[in-house]
Amino acid sequence: MRQLTPEDRLQKEARLMKEGRKRYVEELRKQLTELSGLLAEEQTDRLLDTANRIYRIVHTIKGSAPMFEFTRIGAVAEKLVKDWEWTQVSGVWTAEHTASRFYRSALEGTPSISQLKRELELYQQELELDEHQEQYGKQTLASSGSRLLIIDDDEVLRAYLVRRLKLEGYDVDDAADVETGQRLLREHNYDLITLDLMMHPQSGYELFEFVKEDPTLKWIPLVVLSGRNDLQDKVRCFYLGADDFVTKPFQYEELSARIYSLLKRTKNFEQMAFRDPLTGIYNRRFFDHQIQVELQRTRRYPAPISMVFIDIDRFKKINDTYGHHVGDLVLQGLAHLLQKHVRSTDLIARFGGEEFVVVLPGSTEQDAVKSIDAILQLAQTEPVAQFEGQPFYITFSAGVAGWTEGLTVEDWIKRADDAMYAAKQSGRNRVLLYAQEMDQSESTPADTAERNLTVLIADDDRILRSILVSKLQHLPVTFLEAEDGEEAFRLITEQQVHLCILDGVMPNLDGLDMLEKLHREVGKPSDLNILMLSGRNRDDDLSRGHALGVDTFMHKPFSMVELEFKVKQLLQLT
């Protein structure tokens, strides 16, 4: 017979205990039903028999409940045993009135029976919750690849924690010192860290500060394990950003529950803060954070990395013809198609509207073109959505750009976006690799001569400015850019501007203050149109803006299709 390993033995013991607890709950329910019936009896000629049966039941509960870790039930049963102990005293029944007196006195303990029932219900709920969490909670966290790092110089404890956590399905790495912990944190992505404070030669505080000062690590949940139950240690750790503090010695089950709770809370927070609610993939906020992480890793371990900008072809027509509910299904379908056919290490995000971005670490530009083109072929042959039995097929245009040292994220995005725009201009339904000439206007000389309208984009968000230029560059206009209100004021007063796309909140002068200064010092040019972008929706801003000559407002986030339509209206290009 094969000898069980310690891990197998632990699993077997846990399984047996779980099965035993479930069976015991059913048995206890029967015992409490019998107790309730006995306590309701009113036949005085059966007092001795009834009292003895009550005693035997509560005595059984007192002995067996703690064996199955129902300690609260055992404590209540122990009180009931004391209430009915008189049944075991010899001679107590010699006088009928004496027996009745003891019986009536014991009956006063019947509220404890109600307490037993309440405790049973609570334990039943706990068992159901544990089973639910086991099926849908920890299984989900483990299967989603939750990876933990245990940093502790106690070799025995460290090995024990690694073994137990792996049994629960987590991926676990461990380090015995600060230096090893730092190296692992540079090499891998972790979902949670446990950190011992008292280590040698460097204390846990040094790695603690290393983690919390790194922008790519500071959001990882951190549980401090300490052999000192010192208030100052706890206060210092929480001020430094610890998420939990556990004092040694501790029960493993408690630590496991704390880890599970932190991971679940982090997953929920990520779902709310970093996921697009419609498609479930990452949003722009997460992309902005994670792209820095990917570039840091690329700088440490040089390897190619490529970005793809994707835009669904003629998406507006889908919305206009079938309604936005069908458009939403198409967006969800493309997101699913991308998730299904890119690698788990690739980053997919919804950039806004019908635009998606994919970052492929370790892939050359040529590799990225092949991968995305294969997905495009699938989109052409398989419906991405169905509604009321009707399949919906799409195509998309995509631009690919590789990253090179010294290239900013904003310029990298612009290159991929320029390539995508070139794919649109050359007929849609294709994937194009960025080329240097895409930076230049693709207009003909005749088109260039028609560019006699000037549009000023005044916004301190450089990425948004570049996206607006890219989206509107097919119009016969020349673009100017300003990153604050003062610069916008200078450009408007120095040259003719036909349209100013003006951010409401900017450094130096915000949008409304800039317009007020313009009115006060030189007056608003008669041919200047103002389209104001605002993240605020306040009536006083709207009233003030209209008084200062704002022609139309758009609230962030806004639709690029709607913005282009308003720009054409204001410039009379429709």
Protein backbone atom coordinates (compact mmCIF):
# COMPACT_ATOMS: atom_id res chain seq x y z
CA MET A 1 0.00 0.00 0.00
CA ARG A 2 1.35 3.42 -0.94
CA GLN A 3 2.27 5.50 2.09
CA LEU A 4 0.49 8.85 2.23
CA THR A 5 2.59 11.98 1.94
CA PRO A 6 2.04 14.74 4.55
CA GLU A 7 0.14 16.75 1.93
CA ASP A 8 -2.11 13.76 1.08
CA ARG A 9 -2.72 13.13 4.77
CA LEU A 10 -3.73 16.75 5.35
CA GLN A 11 -6.12 16.64 2.42
CA LYS A 12 -7.63 13.36 3.59
CA GLU A 13 -8.08 14.64 7.16
CA ALA A 14 -9.73 17.81 5.90
CA ARG A 15 -12.08 15.82 3.67
CA LEU A 16 -13.05 13.46 6.49
CA MET A 17 -13.68 16.36 8.87
CA LYS A 18 -15.86 18.12 6.31
CA GLU A 19 -17.94 14.98 5.71
CA GLY A 20 -18.21 14.36 9.47
CA ARG A 21 -19.40 17.90 10.15
CA LYS A 22 -22.14 17.65 7.54
CA ARG A 23 -23.38 14.31 8.94
CA TYR A 24 -23.24 15.62 12.49
CA VAL A 25 -25.39 18.64 11.63
CA GLU A 26 -28.14 16.32 10.42
CA GLU A 27 -27.88 14.17 13.55
CA LEU A 28 -27.92 17.23 15.81
CA ARG A 29 -31.07 18.50 14.10
CA LYS A 30 -32.82 15.22 14.99
CA GLN A 31 -31.59 15.45 18.59
CA LEU A 32 -32.90 18.99 18.99
CA THR A 33 -36.27 17.97 17.54
CA GLU A 34 -36.49 15.16 20.13
CA LEU A 35 -35.45 17.54 22.91
CA SER A 36 -38.16 20.02 21.97
CA GLY A 37 -40.76 17.22 22.11
CA LEU A 38 -39.58 16.02 25.54
CA LEU A 39 -39.63 19.50 27.03
CA ALA A 40 -43.18 19.99 25.80
CA GLU A 41 -44.48 16.87 27.65
CA GLU A 42 -46.83 17.60 30.54
CA GLN A 43 -47.33 14.10 32.01
CA THR A 44 -46.07 14.28 35.59
CA ASP A 45 -46.05 10.47 35.98
CA ARG A 46 -43.19 10.25 33.45
CA LEU A 47 -40.93 12.94 34.93
CA LEU A 48 -38.04 10.62 35.73
CA ASP A 49 -38.00 8.95 32.34
CA THR A 50 -38.34 12.27 30.49
CA ALA A 51 -35.65 14.00 32.57
CA ASN A 52 -33.21 11.11 32.06
CA ARG A 53 -33.75 11.14 28.30
CA ILE A 54 -33.16 14.92 28.25
CA TYR A 55 -29.95 14.47 30.23
CA ARG A 56 -28.65 11.73 27.93
CA ILE A 57 -29.24 13.84 24.82
CA VAL A 58 -27.58 17.02 26.10
CA HIS A 59 -24.71 14.95 27.55
CA THR A 60 -24.16 13.36 24.11
CA ILE A 61 -24.18 16.78 22.43
CA LYS A 62 -21.69 18.14 24.99
CA GLY A 63 -19.23 15.34 24.24
CA SER A 64 -19.54 15.09 20.47
CA ALA A 65 -20.05 18.68 19.23
CA PRO A 66 -16.49 19.89 20.07
CA MET A 67 -15.03 16.89 18.23
CA PHE A 68 -16.46 18.34 15.02
CA GLU A 69 -15.31 21.88 15.91
CA PHE A 70 -18.80 23.05 16.94
CA THR A 71 -17.42 24.64 20.08
CA ARG A 72 -20.27 27.07 20.74
CA ILE A 73 -22.81 24.25 20.65
CA GLY A 74 -20.63 22.25 23.03
CA ALA A 75 -20.52 25.17 25.49
CA VAL A 76 -24.32 25.58 25.49
CA ALA A 77 -24.79 21.82 25.90
CA GLU A 78 -22.40 21.86 28.87
CA LYS A 79 -24.66 24.37 30.63
CA LEU A 80 -27.68 22.17 29.95
CA VAL A 81 -25.86 19.14 31.38
CA LYS A 82 -25.38 21.04 34.64
CA ASP A 83 -29.09 22.00 34.65
CA TRP A 84 -30.13 18.34 34.39
CA GLU A 85 -27.30 16.74 36.43
CA TRP A 86 -29.71 16.23 39.34
CA THR A 87 -31.24 13.28 37.46
CA GLN A 88 -28.07 11.33 38.20
CA VAL A 89 -28.14 11.92 41.98
CA SER A 90 -29.27 8.85 43.93
CA GLY A 91 -32.44 9.29 45.98
CA VAL A 92 -33.56 12.58 44.54
CA TRP A 93 -36.86 11.03 43.55
CA THR A 94 -37.89 9.85 47.07
CA ALA A 95 -40.33 12.72 47.35
CA GLU A 96 -42.58 13.60 44.46
CA HIS A 97 -42.58 17.29 45.30
CA THR A 98 -38.77 17.29 45.34
CA ALA A 99 -38.63 15.77 41.84
CA SER A 100 -41.14 18.28 40.54
CA ARG A 101 -39.15 21.14 42.05
CA PHE A 102 -35.93 20.00 40.35
CA TYR A 103 -37.79 19.47 37.08
CA ARG A 104 -39.35 22.94 37.14
CA SER A 105 -35.97 24.47 37.99
CA ALA A 106 -34.30 22.66 35.07
CA LEU A 107 -37.03 23.78 32.71
CA GLU A 108 -35.93 27.33 33.34
CA GLY A 109 -32.86 26.38 31.30
CA THR A 110 -34.97 25.75 28.21
CA PRO A 111 -33.90 29.08 26.67
CA SER A 112 -30.59 27.28 26.19
CA ILE A 113 -32.42 24.88 23.88
CA SER A 114 -33.40 27.86 21.74
CA GLN A 115 -29.79 28.98 21.78
CA LEU A 116 -28.74 25.52 20.59
CA LYS A 117 -31.13 25.86 17.67
CA ARG A 118 -29.78 29.29 16.80
CA GLU A 119 -26.20 28.03 16.95
CA LEU A 120 -27.14 25.10 14.73
CA GLU A 121 -28.60 27.44 12.12
CA LEU A 122 -25.49 29.63 12.25
CA TYR A 123 -23.18 26.65 11.78
CA GLN A 124 -25.39 25.41 8.94
CA GLN A 125 -25.00 28.77 7.21
CA GLU A 126 -21.24 28.73 7.80
CA LEU A 127 -20.96 25.26 6.26
CA GLU A 128 -22.98 26.34 3.23
CA LEU A 129 -20.86 29.48 2.88
CA ASP A 130 -17.64 27.46 3.14
CA GLU A 131 -18.89 25.07 0.49
CA HIS A 132 -19.90 27.94 -1.77
CA GLN A 133 -16.53 29.64 -1.33
CA GLU A 134 -14.73 26.37 -1.94
CA GLN A 135 -16.60 25.83 -5.20
CA TYR A 136 -16.74 29.39 -6.51
CA GLY A 137 -14.39 31.44 -4.40
CA LYS A 138 -10.96 29.99 -3.79
CA GLN A 139 -11.30 27.82 -6.86
CA THR A 140 -11.86 30.96 -8.93
CA LEU A 141 -8.97 32.80 -7.32
CA ALA A 142 -6.64 29.85 -7.73
CA SER A 143 -7.74 29.00 -11.26
CA SER A 144 -7.27 32.63 -12.28
CA GLY A 145 -3.57 32.22 -11.48
CA SER A 146 -3.32 33.96 -8.09
CA ARG A 147 0.38 33.96 -7.29
CA LEU A 148 1.70 34.55 -3.78
CA LEU A 149 5.16 35.42 -2.46
CA ILE A 150 6.10 34.29 1.06
CA ILE A 151 9.08 36.18 2.53
CA ASP A 152 10.27 34.78 5.87
CA ASP A 153 13.62 33.63 7.25
CA ASP A 154 11.97 30.89 9.35
CA GLU A 155 12.58 27.92 7.07
CA VAL A 156 10.14 25.59 8.83
CA LEU A 157 7.27 28.09 8.85
CA ARG A 158 8.00 29.17 5.29
CA ALA A 159 7.94 25.60 3.99
CA TYR A 160 4.71 24.90 5.90
CA LEU A 161 2.95 27.96 4.47
CA VAL A 162 4.10 27.17 0.94
CA ARG A 163 2.83 23.60 1.24
CA ARG A 164 -0.57 24.55 2.70
CA LEU A 165 -1.20 27.40 0.26
CA LYS A 166 -0.29 25.21 -2.70
CA LEU A 167 -2.82 22.66 -1.46
CA GLU A 168 -5.45 25.39 -1.78
CA GLY A 169 -4.50 25.86 -5.42
CA TYR A 170 -2.34 28.99 -5.29
CA ASP A 171 0.96 29.40 -7.12
CA VAL A 172 3.49 30.14 -4.38
CA ASP A 173 7.09 31.35 -4.41
CA ASP A 174 9.17 31.92 -1.29
CA ALA A 175 12.23 33.90 -0.21
CA ALA A 176 14.34 33.66 2.92
CA ASP A 177 15.76 37.18 2.81
CA VAL A 178 15.19 40.68 1.49
CA GLU A 179 17.58 40.38 -1.46
CA THR A 180 15.88 37.24 -2.79
CA GLY A 181 12.48 38.82 -2.31
CA GLN A 182 13.51 41.87 -4.33
CA ARG A 183 14.81 39.72 -7.14
CA LEU A 184 11.60 37.66 -7.33
CA LEU A 185 9.48 40.81 -7.32
CA ARG A 186 11.44 42.12 -10.31
CA GLU A 187 11.07 38.86 -12.22
CA HIS A 188 7.42 37.93 -11.61
CA ASN A 189 3.96 39.40 -11.06
CA TYR A 190 2.38 38.64 -7.68
CA ASP A 191 -1.15 39.02 -6.38
CA LEU A 192 -0.22 39.08 -2.66
CA ILE A 193 2.88 39.17 -0.45
CA THR A 194 3.33 37.97 3.13
CA LEU A 195 6.31 39.61 4.81
CA ASP A 196 8.08 38.79 8.08
CA LEU A 197 9.36 41.87 9.90
CA MET A 198 12.15 40.29 11.95
CA MET A 199 14.63 38.92 9.41
CA HIS A 200 18.42 38.92 9.06
CA PRO A 201 20.63 40.46 7.80
CA GLN A 202 18.01 42.99 6.62
CA SER A 203 14.69 43.53 8.35
CA GLY A 204 11.35 43.22 6.62
CA TYR A 205 10.95 47.00 6.87
CA GLU A 206 13.56 47.47 4.14
CA LEU A 207 11.69 45.28 1.66
CA PHE A 208 8.42 46.77 2.87
CA GLU A 209 9.55 50.23 1.78
CA PHE A 210 11.00 48.84 -1.47
CA VAL A 211 7.56 47.42 -2.37
CA LYS A 212 5.50 50.44 -1.40
CA GLU A 213 7.77 52.97 -3.14
CA ASP A 214 7.73 51.14 -6.50
CA PRO A 215 4.76 52.31 -8.59
CA THR A 216 4.46 48.89 -10.20
CA LEU A 217 4.39 47.04 -6.84
CA LYS A 218 2.68 49.41 -4.43
CA TRP A 219 -0.83 48.11 -5.20
CA ILE A 220 -0.02 44.48 -4.34
CA PRO A 221 -1.79 43.48 -1.08
CA LEU A 222 0.78 42.98 1.69
CA VAL A 223 0.24 40.94 4.87
CA VAL A 224 2.79 41.50 7.65
CA LEU A 225 3.67 38.49 9.84
CA SER A 226 5.38 39.39 13.09
CA GLY A 227 6.51 37.54 16.19
CA ARG A 228 6.08 40.77 18.21
CA ASN A 229 2.65 41.84 19.33
CA ASP A 230 3.83 45.42 19.50
CA LEU A 231 1.41 48.30 18.99
CA GLN A 232 4.09 50.56 17.50
CA ASP A 233 5.00 47.92 14.92
CA LYS A 234 1.36 47.61 13.89
CA VAL A 235 0.83 51.36 13.68
CA ARG A 236 4.02 51.86 11.66
CA CYS A 237 3.15 49.08 9.22
CA PHE A 238 -0.37 50.35 8.62
CA TYR A 239 0.90 53.88 8.07
CA LEU A 240 3.43 52.50 5.58
CA GLY A 241 0.62 50.81 3.65
CA ALA A 242 0.23 47.29 5.07
CA ASP A 243 -3.11 45.70 4.28
CA ASP A 244 -3.12 43.33 7.26
CA PHE A 245 -1.02 42.44 10.31
CA VAL A 246 -0.93 38.91 11.79
CA THR A 247 0.91 38.10 15.02
CA LYS A 248 2.83 34.84 15.40
CA PRO A 249 1.89 32.22 16.47
CA PHE A 250 -1.29 32.16 14.42
CA GLN A 251 -3.81 29.59 13.26
CA TYR A 252 -3.26 28.75 9.60
CA GLU A 253 -7.02 28.83 8.93
CA GLU A 254 -7.14 32.46 10.05
CA LEU A 255 -4.24 33.47 7.80
CA SER A 256 -5.79 31.57 4.89
CA ALA A 257 -9.09 33.40 5.39
CA ARG A 258 -7.32 36.77 5.52
CA ILE A 259 -5.42 36.01 2.31
CA TYR A 260 -8.60 34.86 0.59
CA SER A 261 -10.48 37.99 1.71
CA LEU A 262 -7.73 40.34 0.50
CA LEU A 263 -7.47 38.61 -2.87
CA LYS A 264 -11.22 38.65 -3.33
CA ARG A 265 -11.41 42.34 -2.39
CA THR A 266 -8.57 43.12 -4.80
CA LYS A 267 -10.27 41.19 -7.60
CA ASN A 268 -13.53 43.03 -6.94
CA PHE A 269 -11.72 46.38 -6.89
CA GLU A 270 -9.93 45.53 -10.11
CA GLN A 271 -13.24 44.55 -11.67
CA MET A 272 -14.76 47.91 -10.75
CA ALA A 273 -11.77 50.17 -11.35
CA PHE A 274 -9.81 48.52 -14.15
CA ARG A 275 -12.38 46.62 -16.22
CA ASP A 276 -14.62 47.96 -18.94
CA PRO A 277 -18.14 47.18 -17.68
CA LEU A 278 -19.52 46.32 -21.12
CA THR A 279 -16.85 43.97 -22.47
CA GLY A 280 -15.11 42.83 -19.26
CA ILE A 281 -11.64 43.49 -20.67
CA TYR A 282 -9.27 46.08 -19.20
CA ASN A 283 -10.04 49.76 -19.56
CA ARG A 284 -7.87 52.77 -20.42
CA ARG A 285 -7.00 53.40 -16.78
CA PHE A 286 -5.50 49.94 -16.36
CA PHE A 287 -3.75 50.19 -19.73
CA ASP A 288 -2.02 53.43 -18.71
CA HIS A 289 -0.69 51.72 -15.57
CA GLN A 290 0.20 48.35 -17.03
CA ILE A 291 1.99 49.66 -20.11
CA GLN A 292 4.57 51.21 -17.78
CA VAL A 293 5.02 47.84 -16.06
CA GLU A 294 5.56 46.11 -19.40
CA LEU A 295 8.10 48.71 -20.53
CA GLN A 296 10.02 48.45 -17.26
CA ARG A 297 10.21 44.69 -17.72
CA THR A 298 11.33 45.15 -21.34
CA ARG A 299 14.10 47.51 -20.24
CA ARG A 300 15.31 45.05 -17.60
CA TYR A 301 15.11 42.04 -19.91
CA PRO A 302 15.43 43.36 -23.50
CA ALA A 303 12.91 41.78 -25.86
CA PRO A 304 10.65 43.00 -28.66
CA ILE A 305 7.23 44.37 -27.75
CA SER A 306 4.49 45.50 -30.13
CA MET A 307 1.25 47.45 -29.91
CA VAL A 308 -1.87 47.04 -32.04
CA PHE A 309 -4.60 49.64 -32.42
CA ILE A 310 -7.92 48.16 -33.62
CA ASP A 311 -11.02 49.98 -34.85
CA ILE A 312 -14.22 48.22 -35.99
CA ASP A 313 -15.11 49.14 -39.58
CA ARG A 314 -18.37 51.03 -40.12
CA PHE A 315 -19.42 50.54 -36.51
CA LYS A 316 -21.65 53.64 -36.64
CA LYS A 317 -23.69 52.00 -39.37
CA ILE A 318 -24.34 49.00 -37.10
CA ASN A 319 -25.62 51.30 -34.35
CA ASP A 320 -27.71 53.38 -36.73
CA THR A 321 -29.23 50.37 -38.52
CA TYR A 322 -29.78 47.89 -35.70
CA GLY A 323 -29.56 49.97 -32.54
CA HIS A 324 -26.99 50.42 -29.80
CA HIS A 325 -27.96 47.14 -28.11
CA VAL A 326 -26.68 45.27 -31.17
CA GLY A 327 -23.60 47.51 -31.24
CA ASP A 328 -22.91 46.50 -27.63
CA LEU A 329 -23.19 42.82 -28.55
CA VAL A 330 -20.69 43.35 -31.38
CA LEU A 331 -18.23 45.06 -29.00
CA GLN A 332 -18.57 42.18 -26.55
CA GLY A 333 -18.10 39.68 -29.36
CA LEU A 334 -14.89 41.25 -30.64
CA ALA A 335 -13.52 41.51 -27.10
CA HIS A 336 -14.23 37.79 -26.62
CA LEU A 337 -12.63 36.94 -29.96
CA LEU A 338 -9.48 38.83 -29.02
CA GLN A 339 -9.29 37.26 -25.56
CA LYS A 340 -9.76 33.80 -27.02
CA HIS A 341 -6.98 34.07 -29.60
CA VAL A 342 -4.21 36.13 -28.01
CA ARG A 343 -1.82 34.82 -25.38
CA SER A 344 -2.48 35.09 -21.65
CA THR A 345 0.59 37.33 -21.40
CA ASP A 346 -0.81 39.83 -23.91
CA LEU A 347 -2.66 42.91 -22.70
CA ILE A 348 -6.07 43.76 -24.20
CA ALA A 349 -7.88 46.99 -23.36
CA ARG A 350 -10.86 48.89 -24.65
CA PHE A 351 -9.57 52.33 -25.54
CA GLY A 352 -12.97 53.91 -26.03
CA GLY A 353 -15.93 53.58 -28.38
CA GLU A 354 -15.19 50.88 -30.93
CA GLU A 355 -11.40 51.05 -30.43
CA PHE A 356 -9.29 48.35 -28.79
CA VAL A 357 -5.57 48.17 -28.10
CA VAL A 358 -3.48 45.01 -27.76
CA VAL A 359 0.07 44.92 -26.39
CA LEU A 360 2.12 41.83 -27.23
CA PRO A 361 5.27 41.45 -25.09
CA GLY A 362 7.96 39.35 -26.73
CA SER A 363 6.46 39.82 -30.21
CA THR A 364 8.12 41.56 -33.13
CA GLU A 365 6.04 43.82 -35.36
CA GLN A 366 5.88 41.07 -37.99
CA ASP A 367 4.70 38.52 -35.38
CA ALA A 368 2.01 40.94 -34.20
CA VAL A 369 0.78 41.54 -37.76
CA LYS A 370 0.44 37.77 -38.32
CA SER A 371 -1.40 37.24 -35.01
CA ILE A 372 -3.90 40.04 -35.52
CA ASP A 373 -4.41 39.22 -39.21
CA ALA A 374 -5.35 35.65 -38.21
CA ILE A 375 -7.97 37.08 -35.84
CA LEU A 376 -9.25 39.36 -38.62
CA GLN A 377 -9.74 36.33 -40.87
CA LEU A 378 -11.79 34.66 -38.11
CA ALA A 379 -13.93 37.80 -37.70
CA GLN A 380 -14.72 37.70 -41.42
CA THR A 381 -15.84 34.08 -41.38
CA GLU A 382 -17.46 33.69 -37.94
CA PRO A 383 -20.22 35.93 -36.51
CA VAL A 384 -19.08 37.88 -33.47
CA ALA A 385 -22.67 38.30 -32.25
CA GLN A 386 -26.22 37.13 -32.82
CA PHE A 387 -29.50 38.88 -32.09
CA GLU A 388 -32.91 37.31 -32.54
CA GLY A 389 -31.37 34.65 -34.78
CA GLN A 390 -29.51 37.09 -37.00
CA PRO A 391 -25.70 36.69 -37.12
CA PHE A 392 -23.47 39.75 -37.25
CA TYR A 393 -20.12 39.69 -39.02
CA ILE A 394 -17.56 42.48 -38.82
CA THR A 395 -14.22 43.53 -40.17
CA PHE A 396 -11.75 45.83 -38.50
CA SER A 397 -8.78 47.99 -39.36
CA ALA A 398 -5.63 47.58 -37.31
CA GLY A 399 -2.29 49.32 -37.03
CA VAL A 400 0.85 47.75 -35.57
CA ALA A 401 3.86 49.56 -34.12
CA GLY A 402 6.90 48.21 -32.30
CA TRP A 403 8.52 49.98 -29.36
CA THR A 404 12.09 51.26 -29.53
CA GLU A 405 14.24 52.71 -26.77
CA GLY A 406 13.51 56.39 -26.24
CA LEU A 407 10.01 56.26 -27.72
CA THR A 408 7.39 57.72 -25.35
CA VAL A 409 4.17 55.85 -24.70
CA GLU A 410 2.22 58.73 -26.27
CA ASP A 411 4.26 58.56 -29.49
CA TRP A 412 4.05 54.77 -29.50
CA ILE A 413 0.25 54.96 -29.29
CA LYS A 414 0.22 57.58 -32.02
CA ARG A 415 2.26 55.36 -34.34
CA ALA A 416 -0.12 52.43 -33.90
CA ASP A 417 -3.08 54.78 -34.34
CA ASP A 418 -1.54 56.33 -37.47
CA ALA A 419 -1.06 52.87 -38.95
CA MET A 420 -4.68 52.00 -38.12
CA TYR A 421 -5.85 55.23 -39.77
CA ALA A 422 -3.79 54.38 -42.85
CA ALA A 423 -5.52 50.98 -42.92
CA LYS A 424 -8.87 52.79 -42.89
CA GLN A 425 -7.81 55.13 -45.68
CA SER A 426 -6.56 52.29 -47.87
CA GLY A 427 -9.84 50.40 -47.85
CA ARG A 428 -10.40 49.05 -44.28
CA ASN A 429 -10.44 45.34 -43.38
CA ARG A 430 -6.67 45.03 -43.07
CA VAL A 431 -3.70 45.13 -40.70
CA LEU A 432 -0.91 47.59 -41.52
CA LEU A 433 2.54 48.00 -40.03
CA TYR A 434 3.58 51.51 -39.07
CA ALA A 435 5.85 53.29 -41.54
CA GLN A 436 7.60 56.62 -41.09
CA GLU A 437 5.68 58.27 -43.92
CA MET A 438 2.43 57.73 -42.01
CA ASP A 439 3.46 60.62 -39.78
CA GLN A 440 2.94 62.95 -42.70
CA SER A 441 -0.41 64.01 -44.08
CA GLU A 442 -1.55 61.65 -46.85
CA SER A 443 -3.43 64.47 -48.59
CA THR A 444 -2.75 65.39 -52.16
CA PRO A 445 -1.32 68.85 -52.98
CA ALA A 446 -4.85 69.92 -53.96
CA ASP A 447 -6.09 68.80 -50.55
CA THR A 448 -3.31 70.72 -48.85
CA ALA A 449 -4.29 73.90 -50.66
CA GLU A 450 -7.79 73.52 -49.25
CA ARG A 451 -6.51 73.38 -45.69
CA ASN A 452 -7.26 77.01 -45.00
CA LEU A 453 -9.16 76.37 -41.73
CA THR A 454 -7.26 76.27 -38.46
CA VAL A 455 -8.27 74.16 -35.46
CA LEU A 456 -6.64 74.72 -32.08
CA ILE A 457 -6.75 71.78 -29.66
CA ALA A 458 -6.16 73.15 -26.15
CA ASP A 459 -5.88 70.31 -23.63
CA ASP A 460 -3.18 69.36 -21.12
CA ASP A 461 -3.67 65.64 -21.98
CA ARG A 462 -1.07 65.02 -24.69
CA ILE A 463 -2.51 61.62 -25.58
CA LEU A 464 -5.99 63.06 -26.07
CA ARG A 465 -4.57 65.83 -28.28
CA SER A 466 -2.78 63.31 -30.47
CA ILE A 467 -5.91 61.14 -30.75
CA LEU A 468 -8.03 64.14 -31.74
CA VAL A 469 -5.51 65.16 -34.40
CA SER A 470 -5.39 61.59 -35.71
CA LYS A 471 -9.19 61.33 -35.82
CA LEU A 472 -9.73 64.69 -37.53
CA GLN A 473 -6.72 64.85 -39.84
CA HIS A 474 -8.79 63.74 -42.85
CA LEU A 475 -10.64 67.07 -42.65
CA PRO A 476 -9.28 70.05 -44.69
CA VAL A 477 -7.89 71.81 -41.61
CA THR A 478 -4.54 72.74 -40.09
CA PHE A 479 -3.97 71.87 -36.44
CA LEU A 480 -2.43 73.85 -33.61
CA GLU A 481 -1.94 72.45 -30.11
CA ALA A 482 -1.78 74.08 -26.67
CA GLU A 483 -1.20 72.32 -23.36
CA ASP A 484 -2.44 75.12 -21.07
CA GLY A 485 -4.73 78.16 -21.09
CA GLU A 486 -1.94 80.72 -21.43
CA GLU A 487 -0.58 79.07 -24.57
CA ALA A 488 -4.10 78.82 -26.02
CA PHE A 489 -4.65 82.54 -25.38
CA ARG A 490 -1.36 83.42 -27.10
CA LEU A 491 -2.12 81.35 -30.21
CA ILE A 492 -5.63 82.77 -30.59
CA THR A 493 -4.39 86.34 -30.32
CA GLU A 494 -1.38 85.86 -32.63
CA GLN A 495 -3.08 84.12 -35.59
CA GLN A 496 -6.42 83.27 -37.08
CA VAL A 497 -8.13 80.29 -35.43
CA HIS A 498 -11.47 79.08 -36.76
CA LEU A 499 -12.24 76.49 -34.11
CA CYS A 500 -10.85 75.97 -30.61
CA ILE A 501 -11.50 72.57 -29.00
CA LEU A 502 -11.03 73.75 -25.44
CA ASP A 503 -10.57 71.69 -22.27
CA GLY A 504 -12.46 73.07 -19.29
CA VAL A 505 -9.72 72.29 -16.74
CA MET A 506 -6.10 73.17 -17.61
CA PRO A 507 -3.02 74.49 -15.80
CA ASN A 508 -2.26 78.22 -15.61
CA LEU A 509 -5.67 79.21 -17.02
CA ASP A 510 -8.64 76.89 -17.29
CA GLY A 511 -10.88 77.06 -20.34
CA LEU A 512 -13.47 79.49 -18.99
CA ASP A 513 -10.86 81.80 -17.44
CA MET A 514 -9.01 81.87 -20.77
CA LEU A 515 -12.19 82.94 -22.57
CA GLU A 516 -12.85 85.59 -19.95
CA LYS A 517 -9.35 86.98 -20.44
CA LEU A 518 -9.86 86.91 -24.21
CA HIS A 519 -13.08 88.94 -23.92
CA ARG A 520 -11.54 91.36 -21.46
CA GLU A 521 -8.29 92.10 -23.28
CA VAL A 522 -8.91 91.76 -27.02
CA GLY A 523 -12.44 90.56 -27.56
CA LYS A 524 -13.48 87.24 -29.09
CA PRO A 525 -12.80 87.09 -32.86
CA SER A 526 -16.03 86.92 -34.84
CA ASP A 527 -14.95 83.87 -36.83
CA LEU A 528 -13.78 81.88 -33.77
CA ASN A 529 -15.94 78.91 -32.77
CA ILE A 530 -15.55 77.27 -29.36
CA LEU A 531 -16.20 73.59 -28.61
CA MET A 532 -15.62 73.02 -24.90
CA LEU A 533 -14.74 69.61 -23.42
CA SER A 534 -15.55 69.27 -19.75
CA GLY A 535 -15.40 66.55 -17.14
CA ARG A 536 -17.82 68.53 -14.98
CA ASN A 537 -21.55 68.81 -15.48
CA ARG A 538 -22.41 71.97 -13.57
CA ASP A 539 -25.14 74.39 -14.56
CA ASP A 540 -23.08 77.45 -13.60
CA ASP A 541 -20.26 76.30 -15.93
CA LEU A 542 -22.75 75.94 -18.79
CA SER A 543 -24.27 79.37 -18.17
CA ARG A 544 -20.89 81.04 -17.84
CA GLY A 545 -19.61 79.27 -20.97
CA HIS A 546 -22.52 80.36 -23.13
CA ALA A 547 -22.11 83.93 -21.89
CA LEU A 548 -18.44 83.80 -22.95
CA GLY A 549 -19.23 82.53 -26.44
CA VAL A 550 -18.99 78.75 -26.14
CA ASP A 551 -20.87 77.32 -29.12
CA THR A 552 -21.28 73.77 -27.85
CA PHE A 553 -20.32 71.61 -24.87
CA MET A 554 -19.26 67.95 -24.81
CA HIS A 555 -18.82 66.09 -21.55
CA LYS A 556 -15.96 63.65 -21.06
CA PRO A 557 -15.91 60.81 -21.90
CA PHE A 558 -17.34 61.61 -25.32
CA SER A 559 -17.97 59.84 -28.59
CA MET A 560 -15.38 60.52 -31.31
CA VAL A 561 -18.13 60.15 -33.92
CA GLU A 562 -20.22 62.84 -32.22
CA LEU A 563 -17.18 65.11 -31.83
CA GLU A 564 -16.33 64.85 -35.53
CA PHE A 565 -19.94 65.65 -36.42
CA LYS A 566 -19.92 68.78 -34.22
CA VAL A 567 -16.55 69.90 -35.63
CA LYS A 568 -17.89 69.63 -39.18
CA GLN A 569 -20.99 71.58 -38.16
CA LEU A 570 -19.01 74.40 -36.55
CA LEU A 571 -16.64 74.63 -39.53
CA GLN A 572 -19.55 74.29 -41.97
CA LEU A 573 -18.01 71.24 -43.61
CA THR A 574 -21.22 69.17 -43.62
